[in-house]
């Protein structure tokens, strides 16, 4: 059951990030899930580097914001690598 919750959390974070980045029309729900989950890991890693504190992820608004910011950074990297994005 926890796996399904992580998929939903990742999908929501990826969807919000894709709407903010303007890439929602090109991305489907599977890509939103992937971007959201990878963005959450990236956001947590960057948060830990900046603050020096290990990021303790949970299902709360702070974790959601970190996941969305990480997904936005990931989408920016994808745009830089792929000239079509």
N, C-alpha and C. Protein backbone atom coordinates (compact mmCIF):
# COMPACT_ATOMS: atom_id res chain seq x y z
N UNK A 1 0.81 -1.19 0.00
CA UNK A 1 0.00 0.00 0.00
C UNK A 1 0.87 1.27 0.00
N UNK A 2 2.00 1.22 0.69
CA UNK A 2 2.89 2.37 0.76
C UNK A 2 3.41 2.74 -0.63
N UNK A 3 3.66 1.74 -1.48
CA UNK A 3 4.14 1.98 -2.83
C UNK A 3 3.13 2.78 -3.64
N UNK A 4 1.85 2.47 -3.49
CA UNK A 4 0.80 3.18 -4.21
C UNK A 4 0.73 4.64 -3.73
N UNK A 5 0.90 4.85 -2.45
CA UNK A 5 0.88 6.22 -1.91
C UNK A 5 2.05 7.02 -2.47
N UNK A 6 3.25 6.40 -2.56
CA UNK A 6 4.40 7.08 -3.15
C UNK A 6 4.15 7.42 -4.61
N UNK A 7 3.50 6.52 -5.36
CA UNK A 7 3.18 6.81 -6.76
C UNK A 7 2.23 8.00 -6.87
N UNK A 8 1.23 8.05 -6.02
CA UNK A 8 0.28 9.15 -6.04
C UNK A 8 0.97 10.46 -5.66
N UNK A 9 1.82 10.42 -4.62
CA UNK A 9 2.56 11.60 -4.19
C UNK A 9 3.48 12.09 -5.31
N UNK A 10 4.19 11.16 -5.96
CA UNK A 10 5.06 11.52 -7.08
C UNK A 10 4.29 12.07 -8.26
N UNK A 11 3.14 11.48 -8.54
CA UNK A 11 2.32 11.96 -9.65
C UNK A 11 1.83 13.37 -9.39
N UNK A 12 1.40 13.64 -8.17
CA UNK A 12 0.94 14.99 -7.85
C UNK A 12 2.07 16.01 -7.94
N UNK A 13 3.22 15.67 -7.39
CA UNK A 13 4.36 16.59 -7.44
C UNK A 13 4.80 16.81 -8.89
N UNK A 14 4.87 15.75 -9.67
CA UNK A 14 5.25 15.88 -11.08
C UNK A 14 4.24 16.67 -11.88
N UNK A 15 2.97 16.46 -11.59
CA UNK A 15 1.91 17.18 -12.30
C UNK A 15 1.97 18.67 -12.00
N UNK A 16 2.12 19.02 -10.72
CA UNK A 16 2.20 20.43 -10.34
C UNK A 16 3.44 21.07 -10.99
N UNK A 17 4.57 20.37 -10.95
CA UNK A 17 5.80 20.91 -11.54
C UNK A 17 5.64 21.08 -13.05
N UNK A 18 5.01 20.12 -13.72
CA UNK A 18 4.84 20.24 -15.17
C UNK A 18 3.88 21.37 -15.53
N UNK A 19 2.89 21.62 -14.67
CA UNK A 19 1.98 22.75 -14.92
C UNK A 19 2.72 24.07 -14.74
N UNK A 20 3.57 24.14 -13.69
CA UNK A 20 4.34 25.38 -13.45
C UNK A 20 5.37 25.62 -14.54
N UNK A 21 5.95 24.53 -15.07
CA UNK A 21 6.98 24.65 -16.11
C UNK A 21 6.38 24.79 -17.51
N UNK A 22 5.07 24.58 -17.64
CA UNK A 22 4.43 24.69 -18.95
C UNK A 22 4.65 23.49 -19.84
N UNK A 23 4.96 22.34 -19.26
CA UNK A 23 5.19 21.13 -20.07
C UNK A 23 4.09 20.09 -19.89
N UNK A 24 3.00 20.45 -19.25
CA UNK A 24 1.95 19.49 -18.95
C UNK A 24 1.30 18.93 -20.21
N UNK A 25 1.17 19.72 -21.26
CA UNK A 25 0.51 19.24 -22.47
C UNK A 25 1.33 18.18 -23.19
N UNK A 26 2.64 18.13 -22.96
CA UNK A 26 3.50 17.14 -23.62
C UNK A 26 3.75 15.93 -22.76
N UNK A 27 3.39 15.99 -21.49
CA UNK A 27 3.69 14.90 -20.57
C UNK A 27 2.41 14.17 -20.20
N UNK A 28 2.49 12.86 -20.15
CA UNK A 28 1.36 12.08 -19.69
C UNK A 28 1.55 11.72 -18.23
N UNK A 29 0.58 11.02 -17.67
CA UNK A 29 0.67 10.67 -16.25
C UNK A 29 1.84 9.78 -15.91
N UNK A 30 2.29 8.85 -16.80
CA UNK A 30 3.47 8.06 -16.42
C UNK A 30 4.73 8.93 -16.26
N UNK A 31 4.88 9.90 -17.15
CA UNK A 31 6.05 10.78 -17.06
C UNK A 31 5.94 11.71 -15.85
N UNK A 32 4.72 12.14 -15.50
CA UNK A 32 4.54 12.95 -14.30
C UNK A 32 4.97 12.17 -13.06
N UNK A 33 4.63 10.89 -13.01
CA UNK A 33 5.03 10.06 -11.87
C UNK A 33 6.54 9.96 -11.79
N UNK A 34 7.18 9.68 -12.92
CA UNK A 34 8.64 9.53 -12.94
C UNK A 34 9.32 10.83 -12.55
N UNK A 35 8.88 11.93 -13.14
CA UNK A 35 9.48 13.24 -12.83
C UNK A 35 9.24 13.60 -11.37
N UNK A 36 8.06 13.31 -10.85
CA UNK A 36 7.76 13.62 -9.46
C UNK A 36 8.60 12.84 -8.47
N UNK A 37 8.75 11.53 -8.71
CA UNK A 37 9.54 10.70 -7.81
C UNK A 37 11.02 11.05 -7.89
N UNK A 38 11.55 11.17 -9.10
CA UNK A 38 12.96 11.55 -9.24
C UNK A 38 13.20 12.96 -8.73
N UNK A 39 12.23 13.84 -8.95
CA UNK A 39 12.34 15.21 -8.45
C UNK A 39 12.34 15.26 -6.93
N UNK A 40 11.58 14.37 -6.30
CA UNK A 40 11.57 14.32 -4.83
C UNK A 40 12.94 13.91 -4.30
N UNK A 41 13.55 12.92 -4.95
CA UNK A 41 14.90 12.52 -4.53
C UNK A 41 15.90 13.65 -4.77
N UNK A 42 15.82 14.28 -5.93
CA UNK A 42 16.72 15.38 -6.26
C UNK A 42 16.52 16.56 -5.31
N UNK A 43 15.27 16.91 -5.05
CA UNK A 43 14.97 18.01 -4.14
C UNK A 43 15.47 17.73 -2.73
N UNK A 44 15.27 16.50 -2.25
CA UNK A 44 15.77 16.14 -0.92
C UNK A 44 17.28 16.19 -0.84
N UNK A 45 17.95 15.75 -1.91
CA UNK A 45 19.41 15.78 -1.95
C UNK A 45 19.92 17.22 -1.93
N UNK A 46 19.32 18.07 -2.74
CA UNK A 46 19.75 19.47 -2.80
C UNK A 46 19.45 20.17 -1.47
N UNK A 47 18.30 19.89 -0.88
CA UNK A 47 17.96 20.46 0.43
C UNK A 47 19.00 20.08 1.47
N UNK A 48 19.42 18.81 1.44
CA UNK A 48 20.43 18.34 2.39
C UNK A 48 21.77 19.03 2.17
N UNK A 49 22.13 19.26 0.90
CA UNK A 49 23.39 19.94 0.60
C UNK A 49 23.37 21.40 1.07
N UNK A 50 22.25 22.07 0.84
CA UNK A 50 22.15 23.48 1.18
C UNK A 50 22.10 23.70 2.69
N UNK A 51 21.31 22.91 3.38
CA UNK A 51 21.11 23.13 4.81
C UNK A 51 22.08 22.37 5.70
N UNK A 52 22.67 21.29 5.16
CA UNK A 52 23.54 20.46 5.96
C UNK A 52 22.79 19.52 6.88
N UNK A 53 21.48 19.50 6.75
CA UNK A 53 20.62 18.65 7.58
C UNK A 53 20.05 17.56 6.70
N UNK A 54 20.05 16.33 7.19
CA UNK A 54 19.43 15.25 6.42
C UNK A 54 17.94 15.52 6.31
N UNK A 55 17.44 15.43 5.09
CA UNK A 55 16.02 15.69 4.86
C UNK A 55 15.23 14.45 5.22
N UNK A 56 14.37 14.57 6.20
CA UNK A 56 13.53 13.47 6.65
C UNK A 56 12.18 13.58 5.95
N UNK A 57 12.02 12.84 4.87
CA UNK A 57 10.81 12.94 4.06
C UNK A 57 9.63 12.31 4.76
N UNK A 58 8.51 12.91 4.59
CA UNK A 58 7.24 12.40 5.08
C UNK A 58 6.16 12.94 4.17
N UNK A 59 4.96 12.59 4.44
CA UNK A 59 3.86 13.08 3.61
C UNK A 59 3.27 14.33 4.26
N UNK A 60 3.92 15.46 3.98
CA UNK A 60 3.47 16.74 4.51
C UNK A 60 3.73 17.82 3.47
N UNK A 61 3.32 19.03 3.76
CA UNK A 61 3.44 20.12 2.79
C UNK A 61 4.90 20.46 2.50
N UNK A 62 5.77 20.35 3.49
CA UNK A 62 7.19 20.63 3.27
C UNK A 62 7.81 19.66 2.29
N UNK A 63 7.50 18.38 2.45
CA UNK A 63 8.02 17.37 1.53
C UNK A 63 7.46 17.58 0.13
N UNK A 64 6.19 17.99 0.06
CA UNK A 64 5.58 18.23 -1.25
C UNK A 64 6.26 19.39 -1.96
N UNK A 65 6.55 20.44 -1.22
CA UNK A 65 7.23 21.60 -1.83
C UNK A 65 8.63 21.22 -2.29
N UNK A 66 9.35 20.46 -1.48
CA UNK A 66 10.69 20.00 -1.87
C UNK A 66 10.61 19.13 -3.11
N UNK A 67 9.60 18.26 -3.19
CA UNK A 67 9.43 17.38 -4.35
C UNK A 67 9.11 18.19 -5.60
N UNK A 68 8.26 19.20 -5.48
CA UNK A 68 7.91 20.03 -6.64
C UNK A 68 9.11 20.83 -7.11
N UNK A 69 9.87 21.40 -6.18
CA UNK A 69 11.07 22.16 -6.55
C UNK A 69 12.08 21.24 -7.23
N UNK A 70 12.27 20.05 -6.68
CA UNK A 70 13.17 19.08 -7.31
C UNK A 70 12.70 18.69 -8.70
N UNK A 71 11.39 18.51 -8.86
CA UNK A 71 10.84 18.16 -10.18
C UNK A 71 11.01 19.32 -11.16
N UNK A 72 10.86 20.55 -10.69
CA UNK A 72 11.10 21.71 -11.56
C UNK A 72 12.56 21.78 -12.01
N UNK A 73 13.48 21.49 -11.09
CA UNK A 73 14.90 21.47 -11.45
C UNK A 73 15.15 20.36 -12.47
N UNK A 74 14.55 19.20 -12.25
CA UNK A 74 14.70 18.09 -13.19
C UNK A 74 14.13 18.44 -14.56
N UNK A 75 12.99 19.10 -14.61
CA UNK A 75 12.42 19.52 -15.89
C UNK A 75 13.31 20.54 -16.59
N UNK A 76 13.95 21.42 -15.83
CA UNK A 76 14.87 22.39 -16.43
C UNK A 76 16.09 21.69 -17.02
N UNK A 77 16.58 20.67 -16.32
CA UNK A 77 17.72 19.90 -16.84
C UNK A 77 17.31 19.17 -18.12
N UNK A 78 16.12 18.60 -18.12
CA UNK A 78 15.63 17.90 -19.31
C UNK A 78 15.51 18.87 -20.48
N UNK A 79 15.02 20.08 -20.21
CA UNK A 79 14.92 21.08 -21.28
C UNK A 79 16.29 21.46 -21.85
N UNK A 80 17.29 21.56 -20.99
CA UNK A 80 18.63 21.91 -21.46
C UNK A 80 19.23 20.79 -22.31
N UNK A 81 18.97 19.55 -21.94
CA UNK A 81 19.54 18.41 -22.66
C UNK A 81 18.79 18.16 -23.96
N UNK A 82 17.47 18.24 -23.91
CA UNK A 82 16.63 17.95 -25.08
C UNK A 82 16.15 19.27 -25.66
N UNK A 83 16.62 19.61 -26.84
CA UNK A 83 16.27 20.88 -27.44
C UNK A 83 14.81 20.93 -27.88
N UNK A 84 14.15 19.78 -27.99
CA UNK A 84 12.74 19.77 -28.41
C UNK A 84 11.80 20.08 -27.26
N UNK A 85 12.27 19.94 -25.99
CA UNK A 85 11.37 20.09 -24.83
C UNK A 85 11.01 21.52 -24.55
